[in-house]
Amino acid sequence: MKIKSPYLVKPHSKVRLNKISSSDTGDFKSEDAAKALLAAHREQLADLQDVFYADQSKALLIILQGMDSSGKDGTISHIFSGVNPQGCDVSAFKVPTPLEARHDFLWRVHARVPPRGMIGIFNRSHYEDVLSPRVHKLISPDAANLRLDDINEFESFLADSDVLILKFYLHISRDEQTRRLQSRIDDKKKNWKLSEADVHERQFWPRYIDAYDDILSSTSRKHAPWLIIPSDSKWYRNIAISTIIVDLMQSLNLKYPKPTIDVRTIKL
């Protein structure tokens, strides 16, 4: 799987998020200039997903990670609004249930991996089982590293089983997070989005960044690459991600399967 993007994390490279811009908007100067392109991407994705579903030779797993309010929900709604719901499935991974916690940490994740022909989107993912426990020192550094090794093996296995994997880290600054959380406080219609965890976890920002630095450095592989997407500008985040997905699906050159019957002989 070949991905060409300025936001690609090359395998075994060292990531330092504090040195990477979260406000980049590429060649675009304004949101208006990007609206038409995003609309075109939605139409292209709808067509590409139709062939993808019919061909059923590959599955596509899209992983979205990022700090609170980085825009995971918005990414899904803005990019995939034109895709046939029958060919796309979204999974959100929250705190493990008691049953899930009694299994290995990948047990609940593997069950949500998309079958061939489907696009699966993880709104948070198996990386949460390294991230939060590490930040809150619920597991040792050695245990965290072991889980990252397990994830690399797991994603390699998925790739061997015809699952294409794209992992996006939605990169926002702490100032931008402050603005977004404040807007949820100020707008009564957004109050419901707030939780105690949103406020509580902000004090651990440096620990989260350190943990993500290690995750992004340790688990970006050719078959399962990480892409660090500048996400302070929501509209550019959508363009950057949709461009990568469209390019990948076009590169597959998939065709509709041949009919199982001779349609010329059918008379209704």
Protein backbone atom coordinates (compact mmCIF):
# COMPACT_ATOMS: atom_id res chain seq x y z
CA MET A 1 0.00 0.00 0.00
CA LYS A 2 1.59 3.24 -1.19
CA ILE A 3 0.58 6.51 0.44
CA LYS A 4 1.92 9.84 -0.74
CA SER A 5 1.27 12.64 1.73
CA PRO A 6 3.31 15.31 3.51
CA TYR A 7 1.62 14.13 6.72
CA LEU A 8 2.81 10.52 6.48
CA VAL A 9 4.87 9.20 9.41
CA LYS A 10 7.62 7.14 7.84
CA PRO A 11 8.26 3.77 9.50
CA HIS A 12 10.69 3.91 12.44
CA SER A 13 10.92 7.71 12.31
CA LYS A 14 10.90 9.73 15.53
CA VAL A 15 7.80 11.88 16.08
CA ARG A 16 7.69 15.04 18.17
CA LEU A 17 4.20 16.50 18.00
CA ASN A 18 5.30 19.74 19.65
CA LYS A 19 7.45 20.41 16.59
CA ILE A 20 4.69 19.72 14.04
CA SER A 21 2.26 22.43 12.95
CA SER A 22 -1.38 21.88 13.84
CA SER A 23 -2.52 24.96 11.88
CA ASP A 24 -1.17 24.15 8.40
CA THR A 25 -3.69 24.54 5.58
CA GLY A 26 -1.54 23.39 2.68
CA ASP A 27 -2.13 25.31 -0.53
CA PHE A 28 -5.55 26.55 0.60
CA LYS A 29 -5.98 30.11 1.80
CA SER A 30 -9.60 29.88 2.92
CA GLU A 31 -12.45 27.48 3.58
CA ASP A 32 -14.38 28.71 0.53
CA ALA A 33 -11.62 27.48 -1.77
CA ALA A 34 -11.90 23.98 -0.29
CA LYS A 35 -15.70 23.55 -0.28
CA ALA A 36 -15.97 22.46 -3.90
CA LEU A 37 -13.16 19.94 -3.51
CA LEU A 38 -14.71 18.35 -0.44
CA ALA A 39 -18.04 18.05 -2.27
CA ALA A 40 -16.23 16.34 -5.14
CA HIS A 41 -14.52 13.97 -2.72
CA ARG A 42 -17.86 12.97 -1.23
CA GLU A 43 -19.19 12.08 -4.69
CA GLN A 44 -16.03 10.17 -5.54
CA LEU A 45 -16.16 8.23 -2.27
CA ALA A 46 -19.77 7.26 -2.92
CA ASP A 47 -18.83 5.83 -6.32
CA LEU A 48 -15.63 4.19 -5.10
CA GLN A 49 -17.37 2.63 -2.13
CA ASP A 50 -20.01 1.12 -4.42
CA VAL A 51 -17.35 -0.71 -6.45
CA PHE A 52 -15.45 -1.58 -3.27
CA TYR A 53 -18.55 -3.24 -1.81
CA ALA A 54 -19.30 -5.12 -5.03
CA ASP A 55 -15.72 -6.35 -5.52
CA GLN A 56 -15.31 -7.62 -1.94
CA SER A 57 -11.61 -8.37 -2.30
CA LYS A 58 -10.45 -5.86 0.31
CA ALA A 59 -11.65 -4.25 3.53
CA LEU A 60 -10.74 -0.71 4.58
CA LEU A 61 -10.14 0.17 8.23
CA ILE A 62 -9.87 3.87 9.08
CA ILE A 63 -8.63 4.72 12.57
CA LEU A 64 -9.19 8.17 14.07
CA GLN A 65 -7.26 9.21 17.15
CA GLY A 66 -6.69 12.58 18.78
CA MET A 67 -7.05 14.65 21.90
CA ASP A 68 -10.52 15.47 23.24
CA SER A 69 -12.37 17.82 20.83
CA SER A 70 -9.91 17.15 18.00
CA GLY A 71 -12.82 16.46 15.64
CA LYS A 72 -13.23 12.72 15.24
CA ASP A 73 -17.04 12.91 15.06
CA GLY A 74 -16.91 15.89 12.68
CA THR A 75 -14.47 14.10 10.39
CA ILE A 76 -16.85 11.17 10.02
CA SER A 77 -19.95 13.29 9.37
CA HIS A 78 -18.31 15.68 6.88
CA ILE A 79 -16.40 13.13 4.80
CA PHE A 80 -18.67 10.08 4.79
CA SER A 81 -22.09 11.71 4.57
CA GLY A 82 -22.51 10.53 0.97
CA VAL A 83 -21.42 6.93 1.50
CA ASN A 84 -24.02 4.15 1.48
CA PRO A 85 -24.59 3.25 5.16
CA GLN A 86 -24.85 -0.43 4.19
CA GLY A 87 -21.20 -0.40 3.18
CA CYS A 88 -19.78 1.55 6.11
CA ASP A 89 -19.68 0.83 9.83
CA VAL A 90 -18.53 3.11 12.68
CA SER A 91 -17.28 1.76 16.01
CA ALA A 92 -16.49 3.83 19.10
CA PHE A 93 -14.29 2.36 21.80
CA LYS A 94 -14.89 3.72 25.29
CA VAL A 95 -13.89 2.42 28.72
CA PRO A 96 -13.95 -1.42 28.53
CA THR A 97 -16.96 -3.14 30.02
CA PRO A 98 -16.33 -5.68 32.82
CA LEU A 99 -16.56 -8.51 30.28
CA GLU A 100 -14.20 -6.78 27.83
CA ALA A 101 -11.72 -6.09 30.63
CA ARG A 102 -11.53 -9.82 31.39
CA HIS A 103 -10.35 -10.56 27.84
CA ASP A 104 -7.14 -9.56 26.12
CA PHE A 105 -7.28 -5.87 25.12
CA LEU A 106 -7.60 -6.66 21.40
CA TRP A 107 -10.57 -9.01 21.82
CA ARG A 108 -13.28 -6.37 21.49
CA VAL A 109 -11.41 -4.65 18.66
CA HIS A 110 -10.96 -7.69 16.45
CA ALA A 111 -14.71 -8.28 16.51
CA ARG A 112 -15.26 -4.85 14.91
CA VAL A 113 -12.74 -5.18 12.08
CA PRO A 114 -14.63 -4.74 8.78
CA PRO A 115 -15.16 -7.73 6.48
CA ARG A 116 -14.04 -7.54 2.87
CA GLY A 117 -16.16 -5.11 0.89
CA MET A 118 -16.80 -2.89 3.89
CA ILE A 119 -15.33 0.36 5.21
CA GLY A 120 -14.88 0.33 8.97
CA ILE A 121 -14.20 3.49 10.95
CA PHE A 122 -12.81 3.37 14.48
CA ASN A 123 -13.67 6.50 16.48
CA ARG A 124 -10.88 5.91 18.99
CA SER A 125 -9.42 2.42 18.83
CA HIS A 126 -7.13 -0.20 20.35
CA TYR A 127 -4.60 2.58 20.89
CA GLU A 128 -6.73 3.83 23.78
CA ASP A 129 -5.72 0.68 25.67
CA VAL A 130 -2.13 1.93 25.61
CA LEU A 131 -2.76 5.66 25.83
CA SER A 132 -4.94 6.17 28.91
CA PRO A 133 -3.41 3.39 31.05
CA ARG A 134 0.05 4.80 30.33
CA VAL A 135 -0.93 8.41 31.06
CA HIS A 136 -2.55 7.44 34.36
CA LYS A 137 0.22 4.96 35.22
CA LEU A 138 -2.13 2.01 35.38
CA ILE A 139 0.38 -0.10 33.46
CA SER A 140 4.17 -0.04 33.48
CA PRO A 141 6.23 1.38 30.59
CA ASP A 142 7.29 -2.18 29.74
CA ALA A 143 3.66 -3.29 29.60
CA ALA A 144 2.78 -0.33 27.37
CA ASN A 145 5.62 -1.20 24.99
CA LEU A 146 4.51 -4.82 24.92
CA ARG A 147 1.01 -3.72 23.92
CA LEU A 148 2.46 -1.64 21.09
CA ASP A 149 4.34 -4.73 19.89
CA ASP A 150 1.07 -6.68 20.04
CA ILE A 151 -0.67 -3.96 18.02
CA ASN A 152 2.02 -4.09 15.33
CA GLU A 153 1.57 -7.86 15.06
CA PHE A 154 -2.22 -7.51 15.04
CA GLU A 155 -2.21 -4.91 12.25
CA SER A 156 0.28 -6.96 10.26
CA PHE A 157 -2.08 -9.93 10.53
CA LEU A 158 -5.00 -7.79 9.35
CA ALA A 159 -2.97 -6.54 6.38
CA ASP A 160 -2.13 -10.14 5.48
CA SER A 161 -5.89 -10.78 5.52
CA ASP A 162 -6.62 -8.07 2.90
CA VAL A 163 -7.51 -5.30 5.34
CA LEU A 164 -6.21 -1.90 4.22
CA ILE A 165 -5.39 0.28 7.23
CA LEU A 166 -5.20 4.09 7.42
CA LYS A 167 -4.52 5.70 10.80
CA PHE A 168 -5.14 9.42 11.27
CA TYR A 169 -3.97 11.45 14.25
CA LEU A 170 -6.01 14.66 14.37
CA HIS A 171 -3.43 17.20 15.54
CA ILE A 172 -4.74 20.23 17.42
CA SER A 173 -3.00 22.71 19.70
CA ARG A 174 -3.90 23.13 23.34
CA ASP A 175 -5.11 26.66 22.57
CA GLU A 176 -7.46 25.31 19.92
CA GLN A 177 -8.79 22.71 22.35
CA THR A 178 -9.45 25.52 24.82
CA ARG A 179 -11.46 27.44 22.21
CA ARG A 180 -13.52 24.40 21.29
CA LEU A 181 -14.30 23.46 24.87
CA GLN A 182 -15.19 27.06 25.67
CA SER A 183 -17.63 27.11 22.75
CA ARG A 184 -19.33 24.06 24.26
CA ILE A 185 -19.66 25.95 27.52
CA ASP A 186 -20.98 29.13 25.89
CA ASP A 187 -23.46 27.48 23.50
CA LYS A 188 -26.35 25.83 25.33
CA LYS A 189 -26.95 23.56 22.35
CA LYS A 190 -23.43 22.17 22.81
CA ASN A 191 -23.53 21.76 26.59
CA TRP A 192 -24.46 18.11 26.22
CA LYS A 193 -21.09 17.42 24.59
CA LEU A 194 -19.21 18.35 27.76
CA SER A 195 -18.14 15.77 30.30
CA GLU A 196 -16.12 15.88 33.49
CA ALA A 197 -13.42 13.89 31.74
CA ASP A 198 -12.97 16.62 29.09
CA VAL A 199 -11.96 19.09 31.79
CA HIS A 200 -10.13 16.63 34.05
CA GLU A 201 -7.90 15.18 31.33
CA ARG A 202 -6.61 18.59 30.21
CA GLN A 203 -4.19 18.65 33.13
CA PHE A 204 -2.48 15.61 31.64
CA TRP A 205 -1.89 17.20 28.22
CA PRO A 206 1.95 16.85 28.35
CA ARG A 207 1.66 13.17 29.29
CA TYR A 208 -0.76 12.53 26.44
CA ILE A 209 1.57 14.21 23.96
CA ASP A 210 4.52 12.12 25.21
CA ALA A 211 2.44 8.96 24.91
CA TYR A 212 1.30 9.84 21.40
CA ASP A 213 4.89 10.62 20.38
CA ASP A 214 5.82 7.02 21.28
CA ILE A 215 2.70 5.51 19.69
CA LEU A 216 3.17 7.35 16.40
CA SER A 217 6.89 6.58 16.33
CA SER A 218 6.49 2.90 17.19
CA THR A 219 3.47 1.82 15.15
CA SER A 220 3.61 3.54 11.77
CA ARG A 221 4.28 0.85 9.19
CA LYS A 222 4.02 0.62 5.42
CA HIS A 223 0.95 -1.62 5.73
CA ALA A 224 -0.57 0.47 8.55
CA PRO A 225 0.71 4.05 8.29
CA TRP A 226 0.02 6.95 10.63
CA LEU A 227 -0.79 10.34 9.15
CA ILE A 228 -0.59 13.41 11.39
CA ILE A 229 -3.31 15.73 10.12
CA PRO A 230 -3.23 19.46 11.01
CA SER A 231 -6.69 19.91 12.54
CA ASP A 232 -6.90 23.39 14.04
CA SER A 233 -8.84 24.28 10.89
CA LYS A 234 -11.69 21.81 10.68
CA TRP A 235 -12.30 22.41 6.98
CA TYR A 236 -8.68 21.65 6.11
CA ARG A 237 -8.70 18.53 8.27
CA ASN A 238 -11.58 17.22 6.15
CA ILE A 239 -9.85 18.00 2.86
CA ALA A 240 -6.54 16.47 3.93
CA ILE A 241 -8.13 13.22 5.10
CA SER A 242 -10.61 12.85 2.23
CA THR A 243 -7.79 13.38 -0.30
CA ILE A 244 -5.78 10.50 1.18
CA ILE A 245 -8.77 8.13 1.28
CA VAL A 246 -9.87 8.92 -2.27
CA ASP A 247 -6.32 8.52 -3.60
CA LEU A 248 -5.94 5.13 -1.92
CA MET A 249 -9.27 3.78 -3.15
CA GLN A 250 -8.62 5.00 -6.69
CA SER A 251 -5.22 3.31 -6.68
CA LEU A 252 -6.89 -0.08 -6.16
CA ASN A 253 -8.35 0.05 -9.70
CA LEU A 254 -11.23 -2.18 -8.64
CA LYS A 255 -13.89 -3.30 -11.12
CA TYR A 256 -17.44 -4.50 -10.75
CA PRO A 257 -17.53 -8.33 -10.77
CA LYS A 258 -18.83 -10.14 -13.81
CA PRO A 259 -22.51 -11.11 -13.57
CA THR A 260 -23.24 -14.72 -12.63
CA ILE A 261 -25.88 -14.98 -15.32
CA ASP A 262 -26.16 -13.82 -18.92
CA VAL A 263 -28.30 -10.71 -18.55
CA ARG A 264 -29.01 -10.73 -22.29
CA THR A 265 -31.19 -13.81 -21.83
CA ILE A 266 -33.41 -12.23 -19.20
CA LYS A 267 -36.88 -11.20 -20.23
CA LEU A 268 -39.17 -9.54 -17.73
